[in-house]
Amino acid sequence: MYTKPLLFVFLFASFSLFAQNEEQTLFRNARITGGFAAPIFTYGKTDGHSVYGAGGGAGIVFNRFFAGFFGMGEAFTGPKFQGDQLGLGYGGLWLGYTTPSYKLVHLYASMKIAGGAAGAGDFNDDDWDIDDNWTDAVFVGVPEVGLELNVARWFRLSGSAGYRFVGGFNGWGPLGKNDLNAPVFALTARFGWFGGRR
């Protein structure tokens, strides 16, 4: 006799209790402690040839973590094919972690996740001349780890080693579709505010 009303009361009370809970989100308890802009320089080797890269990024600091965006351009010194050389451009999400960041020298790790393109052309001068007849859309992931030096309260310098994973590259000339997957070394200078004193 009282089963249905009691069930209704129980469900209503449960719903009300559930509705009073605050919504949980990933960054709800994260406290922004700073932000930065950073030039990035990379070096690596592919098929025995040097690869030089330059780019930059910016991010927001959440205590030991940071999140932001970046962009990179890399030129391959060789091999050349039909008078052209290979170039790789990509940009996207940049996530990182430093600990203990208040120490003069500390651990630095980051993950770059990006989309971009590989193309052939002449990259020896300031104006990249890319062959419109050949480009591959690519996905790039670069995990890296290294050490960071607190040069000043507003300047941090890191050296890191990582590995560049490239998906979507179909090969070009003597390079196979997996030949862009290679170790890379990066020098990153972060300028900004990284939080208060410990």
Protein backbone atom coordinates (compact mmCIF):
# COMPACT_ATOMS: atom_id res chain seq x y z
CA MET A 1 0.00 0.00 0.00
CA TYR A 2 2.77 2.43 0.90
CA THR A 3 5.35 0.96 -1.48
CA LYS A 4 4.82 3.36 -4.39
CA PRO A 5 4.77 6.58 -2.29
CA LEU A 6 7.85 5.47 -0.35
CA LEU A 7 9.66 4.62 -3.57
CA PHE A 8 8.75 8.04 -4.98
CA VAL A 9 10.02 9.83 -1.84
CA PHE A 10 13.25 7.81 -1.90
CA LEU A 11 13.89 8.61 -5.59
CA PHE A 12 13.07 12.30 -5.11
CA ALA A 13 15.38 12.55 -2.08
CA SER A 14 18.18 10.79 -3.97
CA PHE A 15 17.75 13.09 -6.94
CA SER A 16 17.77 16.19 -4.73
CA LEU A 17 20.89 15.03 -2.94
CA PHE A 18 22.62 14.27 -6.24
CA ALA A 19 21.60 17.65 -7.69
CA GLN A 20 23.20 19.49 -4.76
CA ASN A 21 26.67 18.10 -5.55
CA GLU A 22 28.92 20.46 -7.47
CA GLU A 23 29.97 19.52 -10.95
CA GLN A 24 33.49 18.08 -11.02
CA THR A 25 35.91 19.18 -13.74
CA LEU A 26 39.55 18.47 -14.52
CA PHE A 27 40.83 21.97 -13.73
CA ARG A 28 38.33 22.89 -10.98
CA ASN A 29 40.96 22.89 -8.23
CA ALA A 30 43.85 24.00 -10.41
CA ARG A 31 45.27 27.39 -9.50
CA ILE A 32 46.86 29.48 -12.24
CA THR A 33 50.26 30.62 -10.98
CA GLY A 34 51.74 32.15 -14.11
CA GLY A 35 52.22 32.20 -17.84
CA PHE A 36 55.05 32.27 -20.36
CA ALA A 37 56.17 32.64 -23.96
CA ALA A 38 58.95 30.44 -25.30
CA PRO A 39 61.21 30.20 -28.36
CA ILE A 40 62.07 26.56 -29.14
CA PHE A 41 65.05 25.21 -31.11
CA THR A 42 65.47 21.56 -32.11
CA TYR A 43 68.11 19.34 -33.67
CA GLY A 44 67.97 15.76 -34.86
CA LYS A 45 69.09 13.34 -37.53
CA THR A 46 67.07 11.49 -40.15
CA ASP A 47 68.64 8.96 -42.48
CA GLY A 48 72.06 10.28 -41.43
CA HIS A 49 71.21 13.89 -42.30
CA SER A 50 70.79 16.78 -39.85
CA VAL A 51 67.39 18.30 -39.13
CA TYR A 52 67.17 21.82 -37.72
CA GLY A 53 63.98 23.27 -36.28
CA ALA A 54 62.77 26.56 -34.84
CA GLY A 55 59.47 27.65 -33.42
CA GLY A 56 57.78 28.89 -30.32
CA GLY A 57 54.89 28.55 -27.96
CA ALA A 58 53.05 30.02 -25.01
CA GLY A 59 51.29 28.56 -22.02
CA ILE A 60 49.64 28.95 -18.64
CA VAL A 61 51.28 27.58 -15.50
CA PHE A 62 49.27 25.55 -12.95
CA ASN A 63 51.81 25.06 -10.14
CA ARG A 64 54.02 22.24 -11.50
CA PHE A 65 52.00 21.74 -14.69
CA PHE A 66 51.71 23.92 -17.76
CA ALA A 67 49.43 23.83 -20.79
CA GLY A 68 49.56 25.84 -23.98
CA PHE A 69 50.10 25.85 -27.72
CA PHE A 70 53.16 25.76 -29.97
CA GLY A 71 54.29 25.76 -33.61
CA MET A 72 57.45 24.35 -35.22
CA GLY A 73 59.17 24.35 -38.61
CA GLU A 74 61.92 21.84 -39.38
CA ALA A 75 64.23 21.72 -42.42
CA PHE A 76 66.08 18.55 -43.45
CA THR A 77 69.59 19.08 -44.84
CA GLY A 78 69.16 15.92 -46.90
CA PRO A 79 68.61 13.74 -48.68
CA LYS A 80 67.76 15.85 -51.73
CA PHE A 81 65.44 14.51 -54.39
CA GLN A 82 64.96 16.14 -57.79
CA GLY A 83 66.71 19.25 -56.46
CA ASP A 84 64.37 19.63 -53.48
CA GLN A 85 64.74 18.93 -49.79
CA LEU A 86 62.16 18.00 -47.17
CA GLY A 87 60.47 20.34 -44.68
CA LEU A 88 58.10 19.61 -41.81
CA GLY A 89 55.75 22.11 -40.18
CA TYR A 90 53.40 21.35 -37.31
CA GLY A 91 51.62 22.95 -34.38
CA GLY A 92 49.15 22.13 -31.64
CA LEU A 93 48.80 21.35 -27.95
CA TRP A 94 51.77 21.59 -25.54
CA LEU A 95 51.54 19.98 -22.07
CA GLY A 96 54.35 19.94 -19.51
CA TYR A 97 55.47 19.21 -15.98
CA THR A 98 58.38 20.49 -13.87
CA THR A 99 59.44 19.31 -10.41
CA PRO A 100 60.61 20.57 -8.00
CA SER A 101 60.35 23.81 -9.96
CA TYR A 102 61.71 26.02 -7.16
CA LYS A 103 65.12 24.24 -7.31
CA LEU A 104 67.90 25.81 -9.38
CA VAL A 105 68.01 22.72 -11.62
CA HIS A 106 64.96 20.47 -11.83
CA LEU A 107 63.17 17.88 -13.96
CA TYR A 108 61.41 19.08 -17.10
CA ALA A 109 59.03 16.94 -19.17
CA SER A 110 56.57 17.80 -21.91
CA MET A 111 54.34 16.35 -24.59
CA LYS A 112 53.63 18.06 -27.90
CA ILE A 113 50.60 16.85 -29.89
CA ALA A 114 50.13 18.46 -33.27
CA GLY A 115 48.89 18.43 -36.82
CA GLY A 116 50.84 19.71 -39.78
CA ALA A 117 52.33 18.92 -43.17
CA ALA A 118 55.49 17.54 -44.74
CA GLY A 119 56.48 19.14 -48.02
CA ALA A 120 59.35 19.30 -50.50
CA GLY A 121 61.00 22.51 -51.67
CA ASP A 122 63.95 24.86 -51.29
CA PHE A 123 64.55 25.75 -47.63
CA ASN A 124 68.01 27.29 -47.96
CA ASP A 125 66.88 30.93 -47.94
CA ASP A 126 64.56 33.00 -45.77
CA ASP A 127 61.56 32.38 -48.05
CA TRP A 128 60.58 28.72 -48.04
CA ASP A 129 59.64 27.72 -51.57
CA ILE A 130 57.37 24.69 -51.20
CA ASP A 131 56.40 22.50 -54.14
CA ASP A 132 52.60 22.71 -54.34
CA ASN A 133 52.48 19.35 -56.11
CA TRP A 134 53.67 17.36 -53.10
CA THR A 135 52.58 17.64 -49.47
CA ASP A 136 51.42 15.10 -46.90
CA ALA A 137 49.12 16.02 -44.01
CA VAL A 138 50.69 14.56 -40.86
CA PHE A 139 50.06 14.01 -37.16
CA VAL A 140 53.06 14.61 -34.88
CA GLY A 141 53.66 13.59 -31.27
CA VAL A 142 56.83 14.52 -29.39
CA PRO A 143 57.33 13.32 -25.80
CA GLU A 144 60.48 14.73 -24.19
CA VAL A 145 62.29 14.82 -20.87
CA GLY A 146 65.27 16.80 -19.61
CA LEU A 147 66.50 19.35 -17.11
CA GLU A 148 65.49 22.97 -16.62
CA LEU A 149 67.61 25.77 -15.14
CA ASN A 150 66.09 28.73 -13.27
CA VAL A 151 68.21 31.52 -14.77
CA ALA A 152 66.03 34.24 -13.21
CA ARG A 153 62.55 34.41 -11.68
CA TRP A 154 61.24 35.34 -15.14
CA PHE A 155 63.53 33.13 -17.28
CA ARG A 156 63.91 29.34 -17.44
CA LEU A 157 66.12 27.41 -19.84
CA SER A 158 65.65 23.69 -20.53
CA GLY A 159 67.56 21.10 -22.50
CA SER A 160 65.65 17.94 -23.37
CA ALA A 161 65.77 14.74 -25.40
CA GLY A 162 62.67 13.33 -27.02
CA TYR A 163 61.32 11.28 -29.86
CA ARG A 164 59.34 12.59 -32.83
CA PHE A 165 56.52 10.30 -34.00
CA VAL A 166 55.08 11.24 -37.39
CA GLY A 167 51.91 9.63 -38.76
CA GLY A 168 50.49 10.18 -42.24
CA PHE A 169 53.84 10.57 -44.02
CA ASN A 170 53.77 8.44 -47.16
CA GLY A 171 57.47 8.62 -47.95
CA TRP A 172 59.39 10.89 -50.27
CA GLY A 173 62.33 10.11 -52.52
CA PRO A 174 64.68 7.80 -50.58
CA LEU A 175 62.78 8.32 -47.30
CA GLY A 176 60.27 5.69 -46.26
CA LYS A 177 57.01 6.39 -44.42
CA ASN A 178 58.59 5.68 -41.00
CA ASP A 179 61.87 7.53 -41.53
CA LEU A 180 60.67 10.77 -39.90
CA ASN A 181 60.25 8.93 -36.59
CA ALA A 182 63.51 9.87 -34.88
CA PRO A 183 65.14 11.21 -31.70
CA VAL A 184 65.19 15.00 -31.32
CA PHE A 185 66.98 17.34 -28.95
CA ALA A 186 65.44 20.65 -27.89
CA LEU A 187 66.52 23.89 -26.26
CA THR A 188 63.56 25.81 -24.82
CA ALA A 189 63.72 29.27 -23.23
CA ARG A 190 60.60 30.15 -21.23
CA PHE A 191 60.06 33.83 -20.38
CA GLY A 192 57.29 34.84 -18.01
CA TRP A 193 55.97 34.42 -14.49
CA PHE A 194 56.09 31.00 -12.86
CA GLY A 195 54.52 31.62 -9.46
CA GLY A 196 55.52 33.02 -6.11
CA ARG A 197 58.31 31.98 -3.83
CA ARG A 198 58.19 28.58 -2.17
